[in-house]
């Protein structure tokens, strides 16, 4: 099996950090939006709890994706040694 070009390896490495940041901001945005909607339309005061919960879920999802991509890269490197 041929080794991946350097440019391809750099692209894969940069997506790890990008996924972590995007997952965090998506979680933050979803939590803030839910807090806002529940307060405005249903008059349920949840701020800042849903924002905090979804921010933490976004961080967890980002780290989970980072570990998954690192594991895939590690497994791919070990297969060519066999």
Protein backbone atom coordinates (compact mmCIF):
# COMPACT_ATOMS: atom_id res chain seq x y z
CA UNK A 1 0.00 0.00 0.00
CA UNK A 2 1.39 3.41 -0.95
CA UNK A 3 1.98 6.05 1.70
CA UNK A 4 -0.34 9.08 1.66
CA UNK A 5 1.10 12.30 0.24
CA UNK A 6 2.23 14.92 2.76
CA UNK A 7 -0.48 17.36 1.66
CA UNK A 8 -3.18 14.76 2.33
CA UNK A 9 -1.74 14.06 5.79
CA UNK A 10 -1.74 17.80 6.59
CA UNK A 11 -5.39 18.08 5.53
CA UNK A 12 -6.37 15.18 7.77
CA UNK A 13 -4.47 16.69 10.72
CA UNK A 14 -6.12 20.09 10.26
CA UNK A 15 -9.62 18.61 10.23
CA UNK A 16 -9.08 17.21 13.73
CA UNK A 17 -8.78 20.67 15.26
CA UNK A 18 -11.51 22.07 13.06
CA UNK A 19 -13.95 19.34 14.12
CA UNK A 20 -13.22 20.02 17.80
CA UNK A 21 -13.92 23.74 17.46
CA UNK A 22 -17.00 23.31 15.28
CA UNK A 23 -18.57 20.72 17.58
CA UNK A 24 -18.04 23.05 20.55
CA UNK A 25 -19.65 26.02 18.81
CA UNK A 26 -22.55 23.95 17.47
CA UNK A 27 -23.28 22.69 20.99
CA UNK A 28 -23.07 26.22 22.37
CA UNK A 29 -25.38 27.57 19.66
CA UNK A 30 -27.94 24.82 20.11
CA UNK A 31 -28.05 25.29 23.88
CA UNK A 32 -28.37 29.05 23.60
CA UNK A 33 -31.12 28.73 20.97
CA UNK A 34 -33.07 26.25 23.09
CA UNK A 35 -32.76 28.52 26.14
CA UNK A 36 -33.99 31.45 24.07
CA UNK A 37 -36.93 29.56 22.51
CA UNK A 38 -38.08 28.05 25.79
CA UNK A 39 -37.92 31.43 27.53
CA UNK A 40 -39.59 33.44 24.77
CA UNK A 41 -42.37 31.10 23.65
CA UNK A 42 -43.01 28.76 26.58
CA UNK A 43 -41.93 31.12 29.39
CA UNK A 44 -39.71 28.47 30.91
CA UNK A 45 -36.60 29.99 32.48
CA UNK A 46 -33.76 27.59 31.66
CA UNK A 47 -30.95 30.06 30.96
CA UNK A 48 -27.98 29.30 31.38
CA UNK A 49 -28.48 25.60 32.09
CA UNK A 50 -29.23 24.34 28.59
CA UNK A 51 -26.41 26.48 27.21
CA UNK A 52 -23.95 24.90 29.65
CA UNK A 53 -25.25 21.36 29.09
CA UNK A 54 -25.11 21.60 25.30
CA UNK A 55 -21.70 23.29 25.43
CA UNK A 56 -20.37 20.33 27.42
CA UNK A 57 -22.04 17.89 25.01
CA UNK A 58 -20.40 19.71 22.09
CA UNK A 59 -16.98 19.50 23.74
CA UNK A 60 -17.48 15.79 24.44
CA UNK A 61 -18.56 15.19 20.82
CA UNK A 62 -15.51 17.08 19.55
CA UNK A 63 -13.11 15.04 21.66
CA UNK A 64 -14.89 11.82 20.72
CA UNK A 65 -14.44 12.65 17.03
CA UNK A 66 -10.80 13.56 17.64
CA UNK A 67 -10.14 10.19 19.30
CA UNK A 68 -11.99 8.37 16.51
CA UNK A 69 -9.90 10.05 13.82
CA UNK A 70 -6.67 9.45 15.72
CA UNK A 71 -7.56 5.79 16.18
CA UNK A 72 -8.34 5.46 12.46
CA UNK A 73 -4.99 7.03 11.56
CA UNK A 74 -3.14 4.82 14.04
CA UNK A 75 -4.84 1.66 12.75
CA UNK A 76 -4.04 2.66 9.17
CA UNK A 77 -0.35 3.13 10.00
CA UNK A 78 -0.09 -0.25 11.71
CA UNK A 79 -1.74 -2.17 8.87
CA UNK A 80 0.98 -1.31 6.39
CA UNK A 81 3.66 -2.71 8.77
CA UNK A 82 2.14 -6.20 8.61
